Amino acid sequence: MVQAYILVQTEVGKASAVADVIAKIAGVIQAEDVTGPYDVIARAQASSVDELGRLVVAEIQRVPGITRTLTCPVVHL
């Protein structure tokens, strides 16, 4: 299982709505609106890195109001 944090920038005033939509996507564990350079931080999981990529590109990035994402896979060192 691969997990990642997805840092999301949104259009002004859209963070809460974007977080609500992202939280309902299959594979997303949690999504919360935050302050700082990113507006939403989500934690997601998938069976492989390829599946994680598909989740981000095909599902999360298509949410209206998102302007940019940054995916940070979790590593166990």
PDB file of N, CA and C in Angstrom:
ATOM      1  N   MET A   1       0.838  -1.178   0.000  1.00  0.00           N
ATOM      2  CA  MET A   1       0.000   0.000   0.000  1.00  0.00           C
ATOM      3  C   MET A   1       0.883   1.241   0.000  1.00  0.00           C
ATOM      4  N   VAL A   2       0.581   2.183  -0.871  1.00  0.00           N
ATOM      5  CA  VAL A   2       1.311   3.444  -0.977  1.00  0.00           C
ATOM      6  C   VAL A   2       0.414   4.550  -0.436  1.00  0.00           C
ATOM      7  N   GLN A   3       0.970   5.405   0.410  1.00  0.00           N
ATOM      8  CA  GLN A   3       0.232   6.555   0.920  1.00  0.00           C
ATOM      9  C   GLN A   3       0.964   7.823   0.554  1.00  0.00           C
ATOM     10  N   ALA A   4       0.216   8.919   0.452  1.00  0.00           N
ATOM     11  CA  ALA A   4       0.820  10.208   0.118  1.00  0.00           C
ATOM     12  C   ALA A   4      -0.004  11.334   0.703  1.00  0.00           C
ATOM     13  N   TYR A   5       0.664  12.454   0.918  1.00  0.00           N
ATOM     14  CA  TYR A   5      -0.016  13.698   1.228  1.00  0.00           C
ATOM     15  C   TYR A   5      -0.117  14.467  -0.079  1.00  0.00           C
ATOM     16  N   ILE A   6      -1.286  15.010  -0.354  1.00  0.00           N
ATOM     17  CA  ILE A   6      -1.478  15.816  -1.554  1.00  0.00           C
ATOM     18  C   ILE A   6      -1.750  17.238  -1.090  1.00  0.00           C
ATOM     19  N   LEU A   7      -0.835  18.141  -1.439  1.00  0.00           N
ATOM     20  CA  LEU A   7      -0.956  19.547  -1.077  1.00  0.00           C
ATOM     21  C   LEU A   7      -1.663  20.245  -2.229  1.00  0.00           C
ATOM     22  N   VAL A   8      -2.708  20.982  -1.916  1.00  0.00           N
ATOM     23  CA  VAL A   8      -3.584  21.535  -2.946  1.00  0.00           C
ATOM     24  C   VAL A   8      -3.695  23.049  -2.811  1.00  0.00           C
ATOM     25  N   GLN A   9      -3.521  23.744  -3.926  1.00  0.00           N
ATOM     26  CA  GLN A   9      -3.815  25.167  -3.988  1.00  0.00           C
ATOM     27  C   GLN A   9      -5.141  25.326  -4.719  1.00  0.00           C
ATOM     28  N   THR A  10      -5.964  26.260  -4.233  1.00  0.00           N
ATOM     29  CA  THR A  10      -7.287  26.454  -4.819  1.00  0.00           C
ATOM     30  C   THR A  10      -7.485  27.910  -5.222  1.00  0.00           C
ATOM     31  N   GLU A  11      -8.558  28.134  -5.953  1.00  0.00           N
ATOM     32  CA  GLU A  11      -8.979  29.502  -6.224  1.00  0.00           C
ATOM     33  C   GLU A  11      -9.387  30.142  -4.895  1.00  0.00           C
ATOM     34  N   VAL A  12      -9.311  31.456  -4.823  1.00  0.00           N
ATOM     35  CA  VAL A  12      -9.649  32.175  -3.600  1.00  0.00           C
ATOM     36  C   VAL A  12     -11.080  31.845  -3.175  1.00  0.00           C
ATOM     37  N   GLY A  13     -11.233  31.492  -1.903  1.00  0.00           N
ATOM     38  CA  GLY A  13     -12.542  31.217  -1.341  1.00  0.00           C
ATOM     39  C   GLY A  13     -13.102  29.830  -1.616  1.00  0.00           C
ATOM     40  N   LYS A  14     -12.320  28.956  -2.245  1.00  0.00           N
ATOM     41  CA  LYS A  14     -12.815  27.630  -2.626  1.00  0.00           C
ATOM     42  C   LYS A  14     -12.280  26.497  -1.758  1.00  0.00           C
ATOM     43  N   ALA A  15     -11.423  26.783  -0.797  1.00  0.00           N
ATOM     44  CA  ALA A  15     -10.740  25.725  -0.045  1.00  0.00           C
ATOM     45  C   ALA A  15     -11.703  24.777   0.650  1.00  0.00           C
ATOM     46  N   SER A  16     -12.689  25.299   1.335  1.00  0.00           N
ATOM     47  CA  SER A  16     -13.608  24.447   2.085  1.00  0.00           C
ATOM     48  C   SER A  16     -14.408  23.535   1.161  1.00  0.00           C
ATOM     49  N   ALA A  17     -14.915  24.080   0.066  1.00  0.00           N
ATOM     50  CA  ALA A  17     -15.688  23.274  -0.886  1.00  0.00           C
ATOM     51  C   ALA A  17     -14.811  22.209  -1.536  1.00  0.00           C
ATOM     52  N   VAL A  18     -13.577  22.569  -1.886  1.00  0.00           N
ATOM     53  CA  VAL A  18     -12.652  21.616  -2.495  1.00  0.00           C
ATOM     54  C   VAL A  18     -12.324  20.494  -1.514  1.00  0.00           C
ATOM     55  N   ALA A  19     -12.057  20.829  -0.260  1.00  0.00           N
ATOM     56  CA  ALA A  19     -11.750  19.814   0.752  1.00  0.00           C
ATOM     57  C   ALA A  19     -12.916  18.852   0.925  1.00  0.00           C
ATOM     58  N   ASP A  20     -14.143  19.365   0.917  1.00  0.00           N
ATOM     59  CA  ASP A  20     -15.321  18.513   1.057  1.00  0.00           C
ATOM     60  C   ASP A  20     -15.436  17.519  -0.086  1.00  0.00           C
ATOM     61  N   VAL A  21     -15.194  17.984  -1.313  1.00  0.00           N
ATOM     62  CA  VAL A  21     -15.287  17.100  -2.482  1.00  0.00           C
ATOM     63  C   VAL A  21     -14.168  16.064  -2.456  1.00  0.00           C
ATOM     64  N   ILE A  22     -12.941  16.495  -2.182  1.00  0.00           N
ATOM     65  CA  ILE A  22     -11.803  15.574  -2.152  1.00  0.00           C
ATOM     66  C   ILE A  22     -12.010  14.490  -1.100  1.00  0.00           C
ATOM     67  N   ALA A  23     -12.550  14.856   0.062  1.00  0.00           N
ATOM     68  CA  ALA A  23     -12.739  13.898   1.155  1.00  0.00           C
ATOM     69  C   ALA A  23     -13.656  12.744   0.759  1.00  0.00           C
ATOM     70  N   LYS A  24     -14.514  12.943  -0.232  1.00  0.00           N
ATOM     71  CA  LYS A  24     -15.462  11.913  -0.657  1.00  0.00           C
ATOM     72  C   LYS A  24     -14.926  11.006  -1.761  1.00  0.00           C
ATOM     73  N   ILE A  25     -13.728  11.275  -2.257  1.00  0.00           N
ATOM     74  CA  ILE A  25     -13.143  10.468  -3.324  1.00  0.00           C
ATOM     75  C   ILE A  25     -12.598   9.168  -2.745  1.00  0.00           C
ATOM     76  N   ALA A  26     -12.913   8.065  -3.393  1.00  0.00           N
ATOM     77  CA  ALA A  26     -12.409   6.753  -2.957  1.00  0.00           C
ATOM     78  C   ALA A  26     -10.886   6.761  -2.976  1.00  0.00           C
ATOM     79  N   GLY A  27     -10.279   6.312  -1.885  1.00  0.00           N
ATOM     80  CA  GLY A  27      -8.827   6.292  -1.759  1.00  0.00           C
ATOM     81  C   GLY A  27      -8.298   7.431  -0.915  1.00  0.00           C
ATOM     82  N   VAL A  28      -9.116   8.457  -0.704  1.00  0.00           N
ATOM     83  CA  VAL A  28      -8.709   9.581   0.135  1.00  0.00           C
ATOM     84  C   VAL A  28      -9.074   9.248   1.580  1.00  0.00           C
ATOM     85  N   ILE A  29      -8.089   9.299   2.443  1.00  0.00           N
ATOM     86  CA  ILE A  29      -8.280   8.994   3.861  1.00  0.00           C
ATOM     87  C   ILE A  29      -8.820  10.207   4.598  1.00  0.00           C
ATOM     88  N   GLN A  30      -8.296  11.383   4.260  1.00  0.00           N
ATOM     89  CA  GLN A  30      -8.665  12.602   4.968  1.00  0.00           C
ATOM     90  C   GLN A  30      -8.331  13.791   4.083  1.00  0.00           C
ATOM     91  N   ALA A  31      -9.128  14.844   4.168  1.00  0.00           N
ATOM     92  CA  ALA A  31      -8.843  16.101   3.462  1.00  0.00           C
ATOM     93  C   ALA A  31      -9.313  17.252   4.342  1.00  0.00           C
ATOM     94  N   GLU A  32      -8.426  18.203   4.572  1.00  0.00           N
ATOM     95  CA  GLU A  32      -8.756  19.330   5.437  1.00  0.00           C
ATOM     96  C   GLU A  32      -8.265  20.622   4.814  1.00  0.00           C
ATOM     97  N   ASP A  33      -9.037  21.703   5.012  1.00  0.00           N
ATOM     98  CA  ASP A  33      -8.557  23.004   4.580  1.00  0.00           C
ATOM     99  C   ASP A  33      -7.637  23.565   5.658  1.00  0.00           C
ATOM    100  N   VAL A  34      -6.569  24.201   5.206  1.00  0.00           N
ATOM    101  CA  VAL A  34      -5.518  24.691   6.096  1.00  0.00           C
ATOM    102  C   VAL A  34      -5.134  26.107   5.673  1.00  0.00           C
ATOM    103  N   THR A  35      -4.291  26.752   6.474  1.00  0.00           N
ATOM    104  CA  THR A  35      -3.752  28.055   6.096  1.00  0.00           C
ATOM    105  C   THR A  35      -2.305  27.886   5.685  1.00  0.00           C
ATOM    106  N   GLY A  36      -1.781  28.866   4.972  1.00  0.00           N
ATOM    107  CA  GLY A  36      -0.403  28.815   4.515  1.00  0.00           C
ATOM    108  C   GLY A  36      -0.341  28.795   3.008  1.00  0.00           C
ATOM    109  N   PRO A  37       0.775  28.338   2.449  1.00  0.00           N
ATOM    110  CA  PRO A  37       0.925  28.366   0.991  1.00  0.00           C
ATOM    111  C   PRO A  37      -0.002  27.387   0.267  1.00  0.00           C
ATOM    112  N   TYR A  38      -0.513  26.403   0.973  1.00  0.00           N
ATOM    113  CA  TYR A  38      -1.492  25.469   0.407  1.00  0.00           C
ATOM    114  C   TYR A  38      -2.812  25.662   1.127  1.00  0.00           C
ATOM    115  N   ASP A  39      -3.897  25.349   0.425  1.00  0.00           N
ATOM    116  CA  ASP A  39      -5.234  25.591   0.958  1.00  0.00           C
ATOM    117  C   ASP A  39      -5.895  24.333   1.502  1.00  0.00           C
ATOM    118  N   VAL A  40      -5.506  23.187   0.959  1.00  0.00           N
ATOM    119  CA  VAL A  40      -6.055  21.894   1.388  1.00  0.00           C
ATOM    120  C   VAL A  40      -4.906  20.901   1.452  1.00  0.00           C
ATOM    121  N   ILE A  41      -4.908  20.058   2.470  1.00  0.00           N
ATOM    122  CA  ILE A  41      -3.977  18.931   2.526  1.00  0.00           C
ATOM    123  C   ILE A  41      -4.809  17.668   2.662  1.00  0.00           C
ATOM    124  N   ALA A  42      -4.557  16.730   1.747  1.00  0.00           N
ATOM    125  CA  ALA A  42      -5.273  15.457   1.766  1.00  0.00           C
ATOM    126  C   ALA A  42      -4.269  14.330   1.968  1.00  0.00           C
ATOM    127  N   ARG A  43      -4.734  13.253   2.581  1.00  0.00           N
ATOM    128  CA  ARG A  43      -3.928  12.034   2.691  1.00  0.00           C
ATOM    129  C   ARG A  43      -4.684  10.958   1.923  1.00  0.00           C
ATOM    130  N   ALA A  44      -3.957  10.279   1.044  1.00  0.00           N
ATOM    131  CA  ALA A  44      -4.590   9.275   0.188  1.00  0.00           C
ATOM    132  C   ALA A  44      -3.760   8.003   0.200  1.00  0.00           C
ATOM    133  N   GLN A  45      -4.403   6.898  -0.204  1.00  0.00           N
ATOM    134  CA  GLN A  45      -3.688   5.625  -0.317  1.00  0.00           C
ATOM    135  C   GLN A  45      -4.150   4.904  -1.565  1.00  0.00           C
ATOM    136  N   ALA A  46      -3.238   4.093  -2.090  1.00  0.00           N
ATOM    137  CA  ALA A  46      -3.527   3.298  -3.287  1.00  0.00           C
ATOM    138  C   ALA A  46      -2.664   2.047  -3.235  1.00  0.00           C
ATOM    139  N   SER A  47      -2.983   1.106  -4.103  1.00  0.00           N
ATOM    140  CA  SER A  47      -2.260  -0.172  -4.090  1.00  0.00           C
ATOM    141  C   SER A  47      -0.864  -0.072  -4.700  1.00  0.00           C
ATOM    142  N   SER A  48      -0.622   0.949  -5.519  1.00  0.00           N
ATOM    143  CA  SER A  48       0.696   1.117  -6.148  1.00  0.00           C
ATOM    144  C   SER A  48       0.922   2.594  -6.454  1.00  0.00           C
ATOM    145  N   VAL A  49       2.147   2.926  -6.807  1.00  0.00           N
ATOM    146  CA  VAL A  49       2.466   4.296  -7.187  1.00  0.00           C
ATOM    147  C   VAL A  49       1.675   4.688  -8.436  1.00  0.00           C
ATOM    148  N   ASP A  50       1.528   3.763  -9.381  1.00  0.00           N
ATOM    149  CA  ASP A  50       0.751   4.051 -10.585  1.00  0.00           C
ATOM    150  C   ASP A  50      -0.707   4.353 -10.245  1.00  0.00           C
ATOM    151  N   GLU A  51      -1.298   3.564  -9.354  1.00  0.00           N
ATOM    152  CA  GLU A  51      -2.677   3.802  -8.938  1.00  0.00           C
ATOM    153  C   GLU A  51      -2.803   5.141  -8.206  1.00  0.00           C
ATOM    154  N   LEU A  52      -1.818   5.471  -7.403  1.00  0.00           N
ATOM    155  CA  LEU A  52      -1.813   6.750  -6.713  1.00  0.00           C
ATOM    156  C   LEU A  52      -1.783   7.893  -7.730  1.00  0.00           C
ATOM    157  N   GLY A  53      -0.942   7.759  -8.725  1.00  0.00           N
ATOM    158  CA  GLY A  53      -0.869   8.770  -9.783  1.00  0.00           C
ATOM    159  C   GLY A  53      -2.196   8.932 -10.496  1.00  0.00           C
ATOM    160  N   ARG A  54      -2.854   7.823 -10.793  1.00  0.00           N
ATOM    161  CA  ARG A  54      -4.164   7.886 -11.449  1.00  0.00           C
ATOM    162  C   ARG A  54      -5.196   8.559 -10.545  1.00  0.00           C
ATOM    163  N   LEU A  55      -5.146   8.264  -9.257  1.00  0.00           N
ATOM    164  CA  LEU A  55      -6.063   8.892  -8.302  1.00  0.00           C
ATOM    165  C   LEU A  55      -5.887  10.409  -8.309  1.00  0.00           C
ATOM    166  N   VAL A  56      -4.639  10.847  -8.283  1.00  0.00           N
ATOM    167  CA  VAL A  56      -4.375  12.293  -8.243  1.00  0.00           C
ATOM    168  C   VAL A  56      -4.783  12.953  -9.557  1.00  0.00           C
ATOM    169  N   VAL A  57      -4.349  12.386 -10.685  1.00  0.00           N
ATOM    170  CA  VAL A  57      -4.590  13.022 -11.984  1.00  0.00           C
ATOM    171  C   VAL A  57      -6.045  12.886 -12.441  1.00  0.00           C
ATOM    172  N   ALA A  58      -6.607  11.700 -12.306  1.00  0.00           N
ATOM    173  CA  ALA A  58      -7.949  11.451 -12.845  1.00  0.00           C
ATOM    174  C   ALA A  58      -9.071  11.868 -11.904  1.00  0.00           C
ATOM    175  N   GLU A  59      -8.813  11.953 -10.618  1.00  0.00           N
ATOM    176  CA  GLU A  59      -9.874  12.255  -9.667  1.00  0.00           C
ATOM    177  C   GLU A  59      -9.655  13.602  -8.963  1.00  0.00           C
ATOM    178  N   ILE A  60      -8.553  13.721  -8.253  1.00  0.00           N
ATOM    179  CA  ILE A  60      -8.349  14.904  -7.419  1.00  0.00           C
ATOM    180  C   ILE A  60      -8.142  16.161  -8.263  1.00  0.00           C
ATOM    181  N   GLN A  61      -7.278  16.103  -9.274  1.00  0.00           N
ATOM    182  CA  GLN A  61      -7.000  17.306 -10.061  1.00  0.00           C
ATOM    183  C   GLN A  61      -8.197  17.776 -10.876  1.00  0.00           C
ATOM    184  N   ARG A  62      -9.206  16.954 -11.025  1.00  0.00           N
ATOM    185  CA  ARG A  62     -10.398  17.348 -11.782  1.00  0.00           C
ATOM    186  C   ARG A  62     -11.455  18.048 -10.931  1.00  0.00           C
ATOM    187  N   VAL A  63     -11.199  18.176  -9.639  1.00  0.00           N
ATOM    188  CA  VAL A  63     -12.151  18.855  -8.761  1.00  0.00           C
ATOM    189  C   VAL A  63     -12.164  20.347  -9.122  1.00  0.00           C
ATOM    190  N   PRO A  64     -13.346  20.900  -9.382  1.00  0.00           N
ATOM    191  CA  PRO A  64     -13.416  22.331  -9.711  1.00  0.00           C
ATOM    192  C   PRO A  64     -12.872  23.197  -8.581  1.00  0.00           C
ATOM    193  N   GLY A  65     -12.094  24.215  -8.937  1.00  0.00           N
ATOM    194  CA  GLY A  65     -11.530  25.136  -7.956  1.00  0.00           C
ATOM    195  C   GLY A  65     -10.075  24.883  -7.639  1.00  0.00           C
ATOM    196  N   ILE A  66      -9.535  23.729  -8.068  1.00  0.00           N
ATOM    197  CA  ILE A  66      -8.123  23.432  -7.815  1.00  0.00           C
ATOM    198  C   ILE A  66      -7.266  24.100  -8.881  1.00  0.00           C
ATOM    199  N   THR A  67      -6.196  24.745  -8.442  1.00  0.00           N
ATOM    200  CA  THR A  67      -5.274  25.368  -9.389  1.00  0.00           C
ATOM    201  C   THR A  67      -3.943  24.617  -9.499  1.00  0.00           C
ATOM    202  N   ARG A  68      -3.550  23.904  -8.435  1.00  0.00           N
ATOM    203  CA  ARG A  68      -2.263  23.183  -8.460  1.00  0.00           C
ATOM    204  C   ARG A  68      -2.235  22.147  -7.351  1.00  0.00           C
ATOM    205  N   THR A  69      -1.538  21.032  -7.601  1.00  0.00           N
ATOM    206  CA  THR A  69      -1.331  20.020  -6.560  1.00  0.00           C
ATOM    207  C   THR A  69       0.145  19.647  -6.488  1.00  0.00           C
ATOM    208  N   LEU A  70       0.539  19.166  -5.329  1.00  0.00           N
ATOM    209  CA  LEU A  70       1.877  18.631  -5.114  1.00  0.00           C
ATOM    210  C   LEU A  70       1.708  17.344  -4.319  1.00  0.00           C
ATOM    211  N   THR A  71       2.160  16.224  -4.890  1.00  0.00           N
ATOM    212  CA  THR A  71       1.993  14.922  -4.239  1.00  0.00           C
ATOM    213  C   THR A  71       3.290  14.541  -3.530  1.00  0.00           C
ATOM    214  N   CYS A  72       3.171  14.216  -2.249  1.00  0.00           N
ATOM    215  CA  CYS A  72       4.328  13.856  -1.422  1.00  0.00           C
ATOM    216  C   CYS A  72       4.129  12.432  -0.893  1.00  0.00           C
ATOM    217  N   PRO A  73       4.706  11.427  -1.563  1.00  0.00           N
ATOM    218  CA  PRO A  73       4.551  10.051  -1.084  1.00  0.00           C
ATOM    219  C   PRO A  73       5.189   9.863   0.291  1.00  0.00           C
ATOM    220  N   VAL A  74       4.567   9.033   1.096  1.00  0.00           N
ATOM    221  CA  VAL A  74       5.088   8.707   2.424  1.00  0.00           C
ATOM    222  C   VAL A  74       6.154   7.630   2.244  1.00  0.00           C
ATOM    223  N   VAL A  75       7.310   7.821   2.870  1.00  0.00           N
ATOM    224  CA  VAL A  75       8.373   6.823   2.834  1.00  0.00           C
ATOM    225  C   VAL A  75       8.672   6.356   4.251  1.00  0.00           C
ATOM    226  N   HIS A  76       9.127   5.143   4.350  1.00  0.00           N
ATOM    227  CA  HIS A  76       9.496   4.572   5.655  1.00  0.00           C
ATOM    228  C   HIS A  76      10.985   4.286   5.608  1.00  0.00           C
ATOM    229  N   LEU A  77      11.770   5.146   6.246  1.00  0.00           N
ATOM    230  CA  LEU A  77      13.241   5.030   6.218  1.00  0.00           C
ATOM    231  C   LEU A  77      13.744   4.254   7.406  1.00  0.00           C
TER     232      LEU A  77
END
